[in-house]
Amino acid sequence: MDQTVDFGHYMETFRYPYDPILINYDSPLIQAVLNKDADRAEAIYARQFAEYQHRPDMHIYFNYRWHMLLNAEFIKVLREGYVIPLTIDNLLKDVEVITGERDFIQPYQELLTMLKEVYPVY
């Protein structure tokens, strides 16, 4: 059975002041990683990475860079077959320090919990 991620109730939290991009809170990449669908995850990640490379104007935005970092961590979990919670936790703590918002990272803490349920923890 497919696992689905729904953070709709966090919509306002994710609007925090980082325009023009809303951080992707319901990523097909995350769905593919949680479902261990390697082909789909790799295709989505390749498309996102190519888009990131071709949009240097967006590299200045904290949330855009952070989103790419987080997605790189998700794809690493899929490729290696296990999750290193500390790596993702440290990334989230950095985000908390930069934004000054604990609520902002709460959905991602939930995601980390879901990853731990699907993959063995290093």
PDB file of N, CA and C in Angstrom:
ATOM      1  N   MET A   1       0.839  -1.194   0.000  1.00  0.00           N
ATOM      2  CA  MET A   1       0.000   0.000   0.000  1.00  0.00           C
ATOM      3  C   MET A   1       0.880   1.253   0.000  1.00  0.00           C
ATOM      4  N   ASP A   2       0.555   2.190  -0.841  1.00  0.00           N
ATOM      5  CA  ASP A   2       1.327   3.431  -0.923  1.00  0.00           C
ATOM      6  C   ASP A   2       1.151   4.283   0.318  1.00  0.00           C
ATOM      7  N   GLN A   3       2.241   4.860   0.749  1.00  0.00           N
ATOM      8  CA  GLN A   3       2.168   5.825   1.841  1.00  0.00           C
ATOM      9  C   GLN A   3       1.984   7.199   1.215  1.00  0.00           C
ATOM     10  N   THR A   4       1.136   7.982   1.804  1.00  0.00           N
ATOM     11  CA  THR A   4       0.964   9.330   1.284  1.00  0.00           C
ATOM     12  C   THR A   4       1.291  10.337   2.361  1.00  0.00           C
ATOM     13  N   VAL A   5       1.791  11.465   1.925  1.00  0.00           N
ATOM     14  CA  VAL A   5       2.167  12.531   2.838  1.00  0.00           C
ATOM     15  C   VAL A   5       1.204  13.680   2.593  1.00  0.00           C
ATOM     16  N   ASP A   6       0.558  14.130   3.631  1.00  0.00           N
ATOM     17  CA  ASP A   6      -0.362  15.256   3.470  1.00  0.00           C
ATOM     18  C   ASP A   6      -0.108  16.273   4.570  1.00  0.00           C
ATOM     19  N   PHE A   7       0.471  17.390   4.166  1.00  0.00           N
ATOM     20  CA  PHE A   7       0.752  18.450   5.123  1.00  0.00           C
ATOM     21  C   PHE A   7      -0.122  19.669   4.851  1.00  0.00           C
ATOM     22  N   GLY A   8      -1.282  19.428   4.293  1.00  0.00           N
ATOM     23  CA  GLY A   8      -2.185  20.530   3.966  1.00  0.00           C
ATOM     24  C   GLY A   8      -2.479  21.428   5.145  1.00  0.00           C
ATOM     25  N   HIS A   9      -2.580  20.840   6.346  1.00  0.00           N
ATOM     26  CA  HIS A   9      -2.904  21.633   7.527  1.00  0.00           C
ATOM     27  C   HIS A   9      -1.740  22.527   7.944  1.00  0.00           C
ATOM     28  N   TYR A  10      -0.577  22.356   7.291  1.00  0.00           N
ATOM     29  CA  TYR A  10       0.568  23.216   7.595  1.00  0.00           C
ATOM     30  C   TYR A  10       0.738  24.342   6.568  1.00  0.00           C
ATOM     31  N   MET A  11      -0.220  24.471   5.684  1.00  0.00           N
ATOM     32  CA  MET A  11      -0.090  25.408   4.569  1.00  0.00           C
ATOM     33  C   MET A  11       0.353  26.800   5.012  1.00  0.00           C
ATOM     34  N   GLU A  12      -0.272  27.348   6.031  1.00  0.00           N
ATOM     35  CA  GLU A  12       0.081  28.706   6.468  1.00  0.00           C
ATOM     36  C   GLU A  12       1.500  28.761   7.030  1.00  0.00           C
ATOM     37  N   THR A  13       1.888  27.736   7.765  1.00  0.00           N
ATOM     38  CA  THR A  13       3.250  27.686   8.309  1.00  0.00           C
ATOM     39  C   THR A  13       4.261  27.806   7.184  1.00  0.00           C
ATOM     40  N   PHE A  14       4.001  27.101   6.078  1.00  0.00           N
ATOM     41  CA  PHE A  14       4.952  27.078   4.988  1.00  0.00           C
ATOM     42  C   PHE A  14       4.965  28.373   4.187  1.00  0.00           C
ATOM     43  N   ARG A  15       4.063  29.265   4.496  1.00  0.00           N
ATOM     44  CA  ARG A  15       4.076  30.543   3.796  1.00  0.00           C
ATOM     45  C   ARG A  15       5.027  31.525   4.459  1.00  0.00           C
ATOM     46  N   TYR A  16       5.541  31.209   5.630  1.00  0.00           N
ATOM     47  CA  TYR A  16       6.521  32.018   6.345  1.00  0.00           C
ATOM     48  C   TYR A  16       7.149  33.032   5.390  1.00  0.00           C
ATOM     49  N   PRO A  17       8.079  33.862   5.661  1.00  0.00           N
ATOM     50  CA  PRO A  17       8.302  34.992   4.749  1.00  0.00           C
ATOM     51  C   PRO A  17       9.095  34.716   3.478  1.00  0.00           C
ATOM     52  N   TYR A  18       9.298  33.457   3.110  1.00  0.00           N
ATOM     53  CA  TYR A  18      10.194  33.198   1.997  1.00  0.00           C
ATOM     54  C   TYR A  18       9.508  33.161   0.648  1.00  0.00           C
ATOM     55  N   ASP A  19       9.230  34.308   0.088  1.00  0.00           N
ATOM     56  CA  ASP A  19       8.743  34.390  -1.281  1.00  0.00           C
ATOM     57  C   ASP A  19       9.961  34.462  -2.186  1.00  0.00           C
ATOM     58  N   PRO A  20       9.838  34.148  -3.448  1.00  0.00           N
ATOM     59  CA  PRO A  20       8.598  33.852  -4.156  1.00  0.00           C
ATOM     60  C   PRO A  20       8.224  32.379  -4.165  1.00  0.00           C
ATOM     61  N   ILE A  21       8.991  31.523  -3.503  1.00  0.00           N
ATOM     62  CA  ILE A  21       8.709  30.096  -3.604  1.00  0.00           C
ATOM     63  C   ILE A  21       8.150  29.554  -2.302  1.00  0.00           C
ATOM     64  N   LEU A  22       7.080  28.801  -2.435  1.00  0.00           N
ATOM     65  CA  LEU A  22       6.519  28.093  -1.291  1.00  0.00           C
ATOM     66  C   LEU A  22       7.260  26.763  -1.209  1.00  0.00           C
ATOM     67  N   ILE A  23       7.823  26.449  -0.061  1.00  0.00           N
ATOM     68  CA  ILE A  23       8.536  25.177   0.050  1.00  0.00           C
ATOM     69  C   ILE A  23       7.568  24.031  -0.217  1.00  0.00           C
ATOM     70  N   ASN A  24       8.042  23.092  -1.006  1.00  0.00           N
ATOM     71  CA  ASN A  24       7.211  21.967  -1.421  1.00  0.00           C
ATOM     72  C   ASN A  24       6.984  21.024  -0.245  1.00  0.00           C
ATOM     73  N   TYR A  25       5.793  21.061   0.307  1.00  0.00           N
ATOM     74  CA  TYR A  25       5.506  20.292   1.507  1.00  0.00           C
ATOM     75  C   TYR A  25       4.874  18.948   1.198  1.00  0.00           C
ATOM     76  N   ASP A  26       4.549  18.680  -0.067  1.00  0.00           N
ATOM     77  CA  ASP A  26       3.876  17.422  -0.412  1.00  0.00           C
ATOM     78  C   ASP A  26       4.505  16.884  -1.691  1.00  0.00           C
ATOM     79  N   SER A  27       5.804  16.672  -1.619  1.00  0.00           N
ATOM     80  CA  SER A  27       6.589  16.361  -2.806  1.00  0.00           C
ATOM     81  C   SER A  27       6.377  14.946  -3.326  1.00  0.00           C
ATOM     82  N   PRO A  28       6.207  14.813  -4.646  1.00  0.00           N
ATOM     83  CA  PRO A  28       6.153  13.476  -5.241  1.00  0.00           C
ATOM     84  C   PRO A  28       7.454  12.708  -4.984  1.00  0.00           C
ATOM     85  N   LEU A  29       8.558  13.445  -4.830  1.00  0.00           N
ATOM     86  CA  LEU A  29       9.828  12.793  -4.510  1.00  0.00           C
ATOM     87  C   LEU A  29       9.735  12.084  -3.154  1.00  0.00           C
ATOM     88  N   ILE A  30       9.175  12.775  -2.175  1.00  0.00           N
ATOM     89  CA  ILE A  30       9.030  12.189  -0.846  1.00  0.00           C
ATOM     90  C   ILE A  30       8.137  10.951  -0.922  1.00  0.00           C
ATOM     91  N   GLN A  31       7.049  11.067  -1.667  1.00  0.00           N
ATOM     92  CA  GLN A  31       6.147   9.917  -1.824  1.00  0.00           C
ATOM     93  C   GLN A  31       6.903   8.723  -2.405  1.00  0.00           C
ATOM     94  N   ALA A  32       7.699   8.978  -3.457  1.00  0.00           N
ATOM     95  CA  ALA A  32       8.432   7.893  -4.111  1.00  0.00           C
ATOM     96  C   ALA A  32       9.458   7.273  -3.164  1.00  0.00           C
ATOM     97  N   VAL A  33      10.136   8.105  -2.382  1.00  0.00           N
ATOM     98  CA  VAL A  33      11.129   7.593  -1.425  1.00  0.00           C
ATOM     99  C   VAL A  33      10.445   6.730  -0.370  1.00  0.00           C
ATOM    100  N   LEU A  34       9.332   7.215   0.169  1.00  0.00           N
ATOM    101  CA  LEU A  34       8.617   6.452   1.192  1.00  0.00           C
ATOM    102  C   LEU A  34       8.073   5.135   0.648  1.00  0.00           C
ATOM    103  N   ASN A  35       7.758   5.114  -0.649  1.00  0.00           N
ATOM    104  CA  ASN A  35       7.238   3.898  -1.273  1.00  0.00           C
ATOM    105  C   ASN A  35       8.337   3.048  -1.904  1.00  0.00           C
ATOM    106  N   LYS A  36       9.589   3.496  -1.732  1.00  0.00           N
ATOM    107  CA  LYS A  36      10.762   2.800  -2.284  1.00  0.00           C
ATOM    108  C   LYS A  36      10.652   2.599  -3.790  1.00  0.00           C
ATOM    109  N   ASP A  37      10.091   3.577  -4.459  1.00  0.00           N
ATOM    110  CA  ASP A  37       9.953   3.553  -5.916  1.00  0.00           C
ATOM    111  C   ASP A  37      11.177   4.264  -6.505  1.00  0.00           C
ATOM    112  N   ALA A  38      12.273   3.496  -6.674  1.00  0.00           N
ATOM    113  CA  ALA A  38      13.566   4.074  -7.060  1.00  0.00           C
ATOM    114  C   ALA A  38      13.519   4.779  -8.416  1.00  0.00           C
ATOM    115  N   ASP A  39      12.906   4.159  -9.403  1.00  0.00           N
ATOM    116  CA  ASP A  39      12.887   4.754 -10.744  1.00  0.00           C
ATOM    117  C   ASP A  39      12.185   6.102 -10.742  1.00  0.00           C
ATOM    118  N   ARG A  40      11.027   6.137 -10.111  1.00  0.00           N
ATOM    119  CA  ARG A  40      10.256   7.384 -10.062  1.00  0.00           C
ATOM    120  C   ARG A  40      11.009   8.460  -9.277  1.00  0.00           C
ATOM    121  N   ALA A  41      11.574   8.077  -8.130  1.00  0.00           N
ATOM    122  CA  ALA A  41      12.306   9.034  -7.303  1.00  0.00           C
ATOM    123  C   ALA A  41      13.498   9.608  -8.052  1.00  0.00           C
ATOM    124  N   GLU A  42      14.256   8.753  -8.718  1.00  0.00           N
ATOM    125  CA  GLU A  42      15.427   9.217  -9.470  1.00  0.00           C
ATOM    126  C   GLU A  42      15.015  10.167 -10.594  1.00  0.00           C
ATOM    127  N   ALA A  43      13.920   9.849 -11.272  1.00  0.00           N
ATOM    128  CA  ALA A  43      13.453  10.711 -12.369  1.00  0.00           C
ATOM    129  C   ALA A  43      13.022  12.074 -11.844  1.00  0.00           C
ATOM    130  N   ILE A  44      12.291  12.089 -10.740  1.00  0.00           N
ATOM    131  CA  ILE A  44      11.827  13.355 -10.150  1.00  0.00           C
ATOM    132  C   ILE A  44      13.021  14.176  -9.672  1.00  0.00           C
ATOM    133  N   TYR A  45      13.958  13.500  -9.001  1.00  0.00           N
ATOM    134  CA  TYR A  45      15.128  14.203  -8.466  1.00  0.00           C
ATOM    135  C   TYR A  45      15.970  14.782  -9.605  1.00  0.00           C
ATOM    136  N   ALA A  46      16.152  14.015 -10.668  1.00  0.00           N
ATOM    137  CA  ALA A  46      16.928  14.495 -11.825  1.00  0.00           C
ATOM    138  C   ALA A  46      16.270  15.734 -12.425  1.00  0.00           C
ATOM    139  N   ARG A  47      14.951  15.705 -12.525  1.00  0.00           N
ATOM    140  CA  ARG A  47      14.222  16.856 -13.091  1.00  0.00           C
ATOM    141  C   ARG A  47      14.375  18.081 -12.178  1.00  0.00           C
ATOM    142  N   GLN A  48      14.239  17.881 -10.864  1.00  0.00           N
ATOM    143  CA  GLN A  48      14.378  18.993  -9.919  1.00  0.00           C
ATOM    144  C   GLN A  48      15.793  19.560  -9.947  1.00  0.00           C
ATOM    145  N   PHE A  49      16.784  18.664  -9.986  1.00  0.00           N
ATOM    146  CA  PHE A  49      18.173  19.100  -9.968  1.00  0.00           C
ATOM    147  C   PHE A  49      18.502  19.896 -11.237  1.00  0.00           C
ATOM    148  N   ALA A  50      17.990  19.421 -12.380  1.00  0.00           N
ATOM    149  CA  ALA A  50      18.221  20.127 -13.644  1.00  0.00           C
ATOM    150  C   ALA A  50      17.586  21.519 -13.592  1.00  0.00           C
ATOM    151  N   GLU A  51      16.383  21.582 -13.033  1.00  0.00           N
ATOM    152  CA  GLU A  51      15.701  22.869 -12.907  1.00  0.00           C
ATOM    153  C   GLU A  51      16.498  23.811 -12.001  1.00  0.00           C
ATOM    154  N   TYR A  52      17.018  23.262 -10.913  1.00  0.00           N
ATOM    155  CA  TYR A  52      17.815  24.060  -9.976  1.00  0.00           C
ATOM    156  C   TYR A  52      19.077  24.598 -10.671  1.00  0.00           C
ATOM    157  N   GLN A  53      19.732  23.743 -11.437  1.00  0.00           N
ATOM    158  CA  GLN A  53      20.958  24.146 -12.126  1.00  0.00           C
ATOM    159  C   GLN A  53      20.695  25.243 -13.155  1.00  0.00           C
ATOM    160  N   HIS A  54      19.517  25.201 -13.749  1.00  0.00           N
ATOM    161  CA  HIS A  54      19.197  26.175 -14.800  1.00  0.00           C
ATOM    162  C   HIS A  54      18.523  27.438 -14.284  1.00  0.00           C
ATOM    163  N   ARG A  55      18.410  27.554 -12.960  1.00  0.00           N
ATOM    164  CA  ARG A  55      17.799  28.747 -12.381  1.00  0.00           C
ATOM    165  C   ARG A  55      18.718  29.402 -11.358  1.00  0.00           C
ATOM    166  N   PRO A  56      19.900  29.848 -11.773  1.00  0.00           N
ATOM    167  CA  PRO A  56      20.826  30.457 -10.805  1.00  0.00           C
ATOM    168  C   PRO A  56      20.232  31.676 -10.113  1.00  0.00           C
ATOM    169  N   ASP A  57      19.238  32.296 -10.748  1.00  0.00           N
ATOM    170  CA  ASP A  57      18.584  33.444 -10.116  1.00  0.00           C
ATOM    171  C   ASP A  57      17.847  33.038  -8.842  1.00  0.00           C
ATOM    172  N   MET A  58      17.496  31.761  -8.726  1.00  0.00           N
ATOM    173  CA  MET A  58      16.764  31.294  -7.558  1.00  0.00           C
ATOM    174  C   MET A  58      17.692  30.794  -6.447  1.00  0.00           C
ATOM    175  N   HIS A  59      18.973  30.624  -6.755  1.00  0.00           N
ATOM    176  CA  HIS A  59      19.908  30.084  -5.775  1.00  0.00           C
ATOM    177  C   HIS A  59      20.083  30.993  -4.567  1.00  0.00           C
ATOM    178  N   ILE A  60      19.710  32.248  -4.705  1.00  0.00           N
ATOM    179  CA  ILE A  60      19.855  33.184  -3.589  1.00  0.00           C
ATOM    180  C   ILE A  60      18.789  32.975  -2.517  1.00  0.00           C
ATOM    181  N   TYR A  61      17.700  32.324  -2.881  1.00  0.00           N
ATOM    182  CA  TYR A  61      16.610  32.163  -1.913  1.00  0.00           C
ATOM    183  C   TYR A  61      16.874  31.007  -0.974  1.00  0.00           C
ATOM    184  N   PHE A  62      16.878  31.315   0.306  1.00  0.00           N
ATOM    185  CA  PHE A  62      17.162  30.311   1.324  1.00  0.00           C
ATOM    186  C   PHE A  62      16.280  29.085   1.180  1.00  0.00           C
ATOM    187  N   ASN A  63      14.980  29.283   1.029  1.00  0.00           N
ATOM    188  CA  ASN A  63      14.099  28.119   1.017  1.00  0.00           C
ATOM    189  C   ASN A  63      14.286  27.259  -0.225  1.00  0.00           C
ATOM    190  N   TYR A  64      14.688  27.872  -1.318  1.00  0.00           N
ATOM    191  CA  TYR A  64      14.922  27.111  -2.548  1.00  0.00           C
ATOM    192  C   TYR A  64      16.156  26.226  -2.369  1.00  0.00           C
ATOM    193  N   ARG A  65      17.228  26.799  -1.826  1.00  0.00           N
ATOM    194  CA  ARG A  65      18.455  26.027  -1.586  1.00  0.00           C
ATOM    195  C   ARG A  65      18.200  24.928  -0.562  1.00  0.00           C
ATOM    196  N   TRP A  66      17.463  25.290   0.487  1.00  0.00           N
ATOM    197  CA  TRP A  66      17.201  24.329   1.541  1.00  0.00           C
ATOM    198  C   TRP A  66      16.343  23.170   1.036  1.00  0.00           C
ATOM    199  N   HIS A  67      15.386  23.489   0.210  1.00  0.00           N
ATOM    200  CA  HIS A  67      14.530  22.454  -0.369  1.00  0.00           C
ATOM    201  C   HIS A  67      15.373  21.464  -1.173  1.00  0.00           C
ATOM    202  N   MET A  68      16.326  21.975  -1.949  1.00  0.00           N
ATOM    203  CA  MET A  68      17.187  21.096  -2.733  1.00  0.00           C
ATOM    204  C   MET A  68      18.079  20.244  -1.827  1.00  0.00           C
ATOM    205  N   LEU A  69      18.580  20.834  -0.743  1.00  0.00           N
ATOM    206  CA  LEU A  69      19.398  20.074   0.212  1.00  0.00           C
ATOM    207  C   LEU A  69      18.594  18.942   0.835  1.00  0.00           C
ATOM    208  N   LEU A  70      17.375  19.259   1.225  1.00  0.00           N
ATOM    209  CA  LEU A  70      16.518  18.259   1.855  1.00  0.00           C
ATOM    210  C   LEU A  70      16.186  17.137   0.874  1.00  0.00           C
ATOM    211  N   ASN A  71      15.879  17.501  -0.364  1.00  0.00           N
ATOM    212  CA  ASN A  71      15.578  16.482  -1.367  1.00  0.00           C
ATOM    213  C   ASN A  71      16.798  15.600  -1.648  1.00  0.00           C
ATOM    214  N   ALA A  72      17.996  16.204  -1.596  1.00  0.00           N
ATOM    215  CA  ALA A  72      19.221  15.415  -1.775  1.00  0.00           C
ATOM    216  C   ALA A  72      19.345  14.386  -0.655  1.00  0.00           C
ATOM    217  N   GLU A  73      18.961  14.786   0.569  1.00  0.00           N
ATOM    218  CA  GLU A  73      18.994  13.844   1.692  1.00  0.00           C
ATOM    219  C   GLU A  73      17.992  12.703   1.492  1.00  0.00           C
ATOM    220  N   PHE A  74      16.795  13.041   0.979  1.00  0.00           N
ATOM    221  CA  PHE A  74      15.782  12.005   0.741  1.00  0.00           C
ATOM    222  C   PHE A  74      16.274  10.988  -0.287  1.00  0.00           C
ATOM    223  N   ILE A  75      16.875  11.488  -1.372  1.00  0.00           N
ATOM    224  CA  ILE A  75      17.326  10.582  -2.430  1.00  0.00           C
ATOM    225  C   ILE A  75      18.500   9.741  -1.925  1.00  0.00           C
ATOM    226  N   LYS A  76      19.303  10.306  -1.032  1.00  0.00           N
ATOM    227  CA  LYS A  76      20.416   9.558  -0.430  1.00  0.00           C
ATOM    228  C   LYS A  76      19.885   8.396   0.411  1.00  0.00           C
ATOM    229  N   VAL A  77      18.807   8.634   1.136  1.00  0.00           N
ATOM    230  CA  VAL A  77      18.171   7.574   1.928  1.00  0.00           C
ATOM    231  C   VAL A  77      17.739   6.437   1.007  1.00  0.00           C
ATOM    232  N   LEU A  78      17.121   6.783  -0.109  1.00  0.00           N
ATOM    233  CA  LEU A  78      16.647   5.768  -1.061  1.00  0.00           C
ATOM    234  C   LEU A  78      17.831   4.992  -1.642  1.00  0.00           C
ATOM    235  N   ARG A  79      18.874   5.696  -2.070  1.00  0.00           N
ATOM    236  CA  ARG A  79      20.033   5.049  -2.701  1.00  0.00           C
ATOM    237  C   ARG A  79      20.790   4.153  -1.732  1.00  0.00           C
ATOM    238  N   GLU A  80      20.934   4.593  -0.479  1.00  0.00           N
ATOM    239  CA  GLU A  80      21.740   3.837   0.479  1.00  0.00           C
ATOM    240  C   GLU A  80      20.917   2.816   1.261  1.00  0.00           C
ATOM    241  N   GLY A  81      19.601   3.002   1.273  1.00  0.00           N
ATOM    242  CA  GLY A  81      18.738   2.006   1.912  1.00  0.00           C
ATOM    243  C   GLY A  81      18.595   2.162   3.407  1.00  0.00           C
ATOM    244  N   TYR A  82      19.139   3.231   3.965  1.00  0.00           N
ATOM    245  CA  TYR A  82      18.951   3.489   5.388  1.00  0.00           C
ATOM    246  C   TYR A  82      18.952   4.995   5.622  1.00  0.00           C
ATOM    247  N   VAL A  83      18.438   5.391   6.758  1.00  0.00           N
ATOM    248  CA  VAL A  83      18.327   6.816   7.069  1.00  0.00           C
ATOM    249  C   VAL A  83      19.297   7.156   8.200  1.00  0.00           C
ATOM    250  N   ILE A  84      19.985   8.295   8.047  1.00  0.00           N
ATOM    251  CA  ILE A  84      20.855   8.795   9.112  1.00  0.00           C
ATOM    252  C   ILE A  84      20.121   9.986   9.728  1.00  0.00           C
ATOM    253  N   PRO A  85      19.376   9.748  10.796  1.00  0.00           N
ATOM    254  CA  PRO A  85      18.528  10.798  11.367  1.00  0.00           C
ATOM    255  C   PRO A  85      19.306  12.057  11.738  1.00  0.00           C
ATOM    256  N   LEU A  86      20.549  11.876  12.201  1.00  0.00           N
ATOM    257  CA  LEU A  86      21.327  13.018  12.645  1.00  0.00           C
ATOM    258  C   LEU A  86      21.559  14.023  11.527  1.00  0.00           C
ATOM    259  N   THR A  87      21.812  13.536  10.320  1.00  0.00           N
ATOM    260  CA  THR A  87      22.051  14.429   9.181  1.00  0.00           C
ATOM    261  C   THR A  87      20.833  15.304   8.922  1.00  0.00           C
ATOM    262  N   ILE A  88      19.663  14.675   8.872  1.00  0.00           N
ATOM    263  CA  ILE A  88      18.435  15.422   8.607  1.00  0.00           C
ATOM    264  C   ILE A  88      18.097  16.313   9.802  1.00  0.00           C
ATOM    265  N   ASP A  89      18.287  15.791  11.014  1.00  0.00           N
ATOM    266  CA  ASP A  89      18.036  16.585  12.218  1.00  0.00           C
ATOM    267  C   ASP A  89      18.892  17.850  12.241  1.00  0.00           C
ATOM    268  N   ASN A  90      20.179  17.708  11.901  1.00  0.00           N
ATOM    269  CA  ASN A  90      21.065  18.875  11.878  1.00  0.00           C
ATOM    270  C   ASN A  90      20.622  19.892  10.838  1.00  0.00           C
ATOM    271  N   LEU A  91      20.182  19.396   9.704  1.00  0.00           N
ATOM    272  CA  LEU A  91      19.672  20.276   8.656  1.00  0.00           C
ATOM    273  C   LEU A  91      18.450  21.044   9.165  1.00  0.00           C
ATOM    274  N   LEU A  92      17.561  20.335   9.849  1.00  0.00           N
ATOM    275  CA  LEU A  92      16.356  20.973  10.386  1.00  0.00           C
ATOM    276  C   LEU A  92      16.687  21.974  11.490  1.00  0.00           C
ATOM    277  N   LYS A  93      17.675  21.653  12.312  1.00  0.00           N
ATOM    278  CA  LYS A  93      18.083  22.593  13.366  1.00  0.00           C
ATOM    279  C   LYS A  93      18.652  23.873  12.760  1.00  0.00           C
ATOM    280  N   ASP A  94      19.413  23.730  11.670  1.00  0.00           N
ATOM    281  CA  ASP A  94      19.937  24.915  10.964  1.00  0.00           C
ATOM    282  C   ASP A  94      18.790  25.780  10.456  1.00  0.00           C
ATOM    283  N   VAL A  95      17.782  25.121   9.904  1.00  0.00           N
ATOM    284  CA  VAL A  95      16.616  25.853   9.398  1.00  0.00           C
ATOM    285  C   VAL A  95      15.911  26.573  10.541  1.00  0.00           C
ATOM    286  N   GLU A  96      15.787  25.890  11.666  1.00  0.00           N
ATOM    287  CA  GLU A  96      15.132  26.499  12.834  1.00  0.00           C
ATOM    288  C   GLU A  96      15.896  27.744  13.288  1.00  0.00           C
ATOM    289  N   VAL A  97      17.223  27.656  13.326  1.00  0.00           N
ATOM    290  CA  VAL A  97      18.043  28.797  13.741  1.00  0.00           C
ATOM    291  C   VAL A  97      17.890  29.954  12.758  1.00  0.00           C
ATOM    292  N   ILE A  98      17.929  29.641  11.472  1.00  0.00           N
ATOM    293  CA  ILE A  98      17.848  30.691  10.451  1.00  0.00           C
ATOM    294  C   ILE A  98      16.478  31.356  10.434  1.00  0.00           C
ATOM    295  N   THR A  99      15.419  30.551  10.527  1.00  0.00           N
ATOM    296  CA  THR A  99      14.066  31.114  10.456  1.00  0.00           C
ATOM    297  C   THR A  99      13.591  31.635  11.800  1.00  0.00           C
ATOM    298  N   GLY A 100      14.143  31.082  12.880  1.00  0.00           N
ATOM    299  CA  GLY A 100      13.669  31.446  14.211  1.00  0.00           C
ATOM    300  C   GLY A 100      12.304  30.846  14.498  1.00  0.00           C
ATOM    301  N   GLU A 101      11.897  29.881  13.678  1.00  0.00           N
ATOM    302  CA  GLU A 101      10.570  29.286  13.786  1.00  0.00           C
ATOM    303  C   GLU A 101      10.638  27.779  14.002  1.00  0.00           C
ATOM    304  N   ARG A 102      10.205  27.327  15.154  1.00  0.00           N
ATOM    305  CA  ARG A 102      10.153  25.884  15.413  1.00  0.00           C
ATOM    306  C   ARG A 102       9.025  25.238  14.604  1.00  0.00           C
ATOM    307  N   ASP A 103       7.903  25.928  14.485  1.00  0.00           N
ATOM    308  CA  ASP A 103       6.750  25.379  13.766  1.00  0.00           C
ATOM    309  C   ASP A 103       7.085  25.055  12.313  1.00  0.00           C
ATOM    310  N   PHE A 104       8.002  25.834  11.776  1.00  0.00           N
ATOM    311  CA  PHE A 104       8.349  25.704  10.365  1.00  0.00           C
ATOM    312  C   PHE A 104       8.882  24.308  10.036  1.00  0.00           C
ATOM    313  N   ILE A 105       9.634  23.709  10.973  1.00  0.00           N
ATOM    314  CA  ILE A 105      10.254  22.412  10.685  1.00  0.00           C
ATOM    315  C   ILE A 105       9.443  21.229  11.199  1.00  0.00           C
ATOM    316  N   GLN A 106       8.363  21.479  11.921  1.00  0.00           N
ATOM    317  CA  GLN A 106       7.569  20.397  12.496  1.00  0.00           C
ATOM    318  C   GLN A 106       7.121  19.353  11.465  1.00  0.00           C
ATOM    319  N   PRO A 107       6.611  19.766  10.322  1.00  0.00           N
ATOM    320  CA  PRO A 107       6.203  18.757   9.332  1.00  0.00           C
ATOM    321  C   PRO A 107       7.367  17.874   8.886  1.00  0.00           C
ATOM    322  N   TYR A 108       8.553  18.461   8.835  1.00  0.00           N
ATOM    323  CA  TYR A 108       9.714  17.686   8.422  1.00  0.00           C
ATOM    324  C   TYR A 108      10.171  16.729   9.515  1.00  0.00           C
ATOM    325  N   GLN A 109       9.917  17.085  10.767  1.00  0.00           N
ATOM    326  CA  GLN A 109      10.180  16.142  11.856  1.00  0.00           C
ATOM    327  C   GLN A 109       9.257  14.933  11.687  1.00  0.00           C
ATOM    328  N   GLU A 110       8.023  15.192  11.285  1.00  0.00           N
ATOM    329  CA  GLU A 110       7.077  14.101  11.041  1.00  0.00           C
ATOM    330  C   GLU A 110       7.557  13.230   9.883  1.00  0.00           C
ATOM    331  N   LEU A 111       8.101  13.882   8.852  1.00  0.00           N
ATOM    332  CA  LEU A 111       8.639  13.142   7.710  1.00  0.00           C
ATOM    333  C   LEU A 111       9.785  12.240   8.135  1.00  0.00           C
ATOM    334  N   LEU A 112      10.645  12.758   8.998  1.00  0.00           N
ATOM    335  CA  LEU A 112      11.770  11.969   9.492  1.00  0.00           C
ATOM    336  C   LEU A 112      11.259  10.728  10.226  1.00  0.00           C
ATOM    337  N   THR A 113      10.209  10.905  11.002  1.00  0.00           N
ATOM    338  CA  THR A 113       9.602   9.770  11.700  1.00  0.00           C
ATOM    339  C   THR A 113       9.089   8.740  10.692  1.00  0.00           C
ATOM    340  N   MET A 114       8.451   9.210   9.625  1.00  0.00           N
ATOM    341  CA  MET A 114       7.943   8.300   8.592  1.00  0.00           C
ATOM    342  C   MET A 114       9.091   7.561   7.908  1.00  0.00           C
ATOM    343  N   LEU A 115      10.181   8.284   7.626  1.00  0.00           N
ATOM    344  CA  LEU A 115      11.348   7.649   6.999  1.00  0.00           C
ATOM    345  C   LEU A 115      11.905   6.540   7.889  1.00  0.00           C
ATOM    346  N   LYS A 116      11.946   6.803   9.198  1.00  0.00           N
ATOM    347  CA  LYS A 116      12.467   5.815  10.142  1.00  0.00           C
ATOM    348  C   LYS A 116      11.590   4.562  10.167  1.00  0.00           C
ATOM    349  N   GLU A 117      10.289   4.726   9.896  1.00  0.00           N
ATOM    350  CA  GLU A 117       9.382   3.575   9.884  1.00  0.00           C
ATOM    351  C   GLU A 117       9.594   2.716   8.639  1.00  0.00           C
ATOM    352  N   VAL A 118      10.043   3.356   7.540  1.00  0.00           N
ATOM    353  CA  VAL A 118      10.192   2.646   6.269  1.00  0.00           C
ATOM    354  C   VAL A 118      11.596   2.090   6.077  1.00  0.00           C
ATOM    355  N   TYR A 119      12.598   2.836   6.514  1.00  0.00           N
ATOM    356  CA  TYR A 119      13.995   2.426   6.316  1.00  0.00           C
ATOM    357  C   TYR A 119      14.661   2.146   7.658  1.00  0.00           C
ATOM    358  N   PRO A 120      15.653   1.234   7.640  1.00  0.00           N
ATOM    359  CA  PRO A 120      16.404   1.036   8.893  1.00  0.00           C
ATOM    360  C   PRO A 120      17.214   2.287   9.220  1.00  0.00           C
ATOM    361  N   VAL A 121      17.424   2.513  10.493  1.00  0.00           N
ATOM    362  CA  VAL A 121      18.174   3.679  10.936  1.00  0.00           C
ATOM    363  C   VAL A 121      19.636   3.291  11.082  1.00  0.00           C
ATOM    364  N   TYR A 122      20.514   4.154  10.571  1.00  0.00           N
ATOM    365  CA  TYR A 122      21.943   3.856  10.608  1.00  0.00           C
ATOM    366  C   TYR A 122      22.435   3.824  12.043  1.00  0.00           C
TER     367      TYR A 122
END
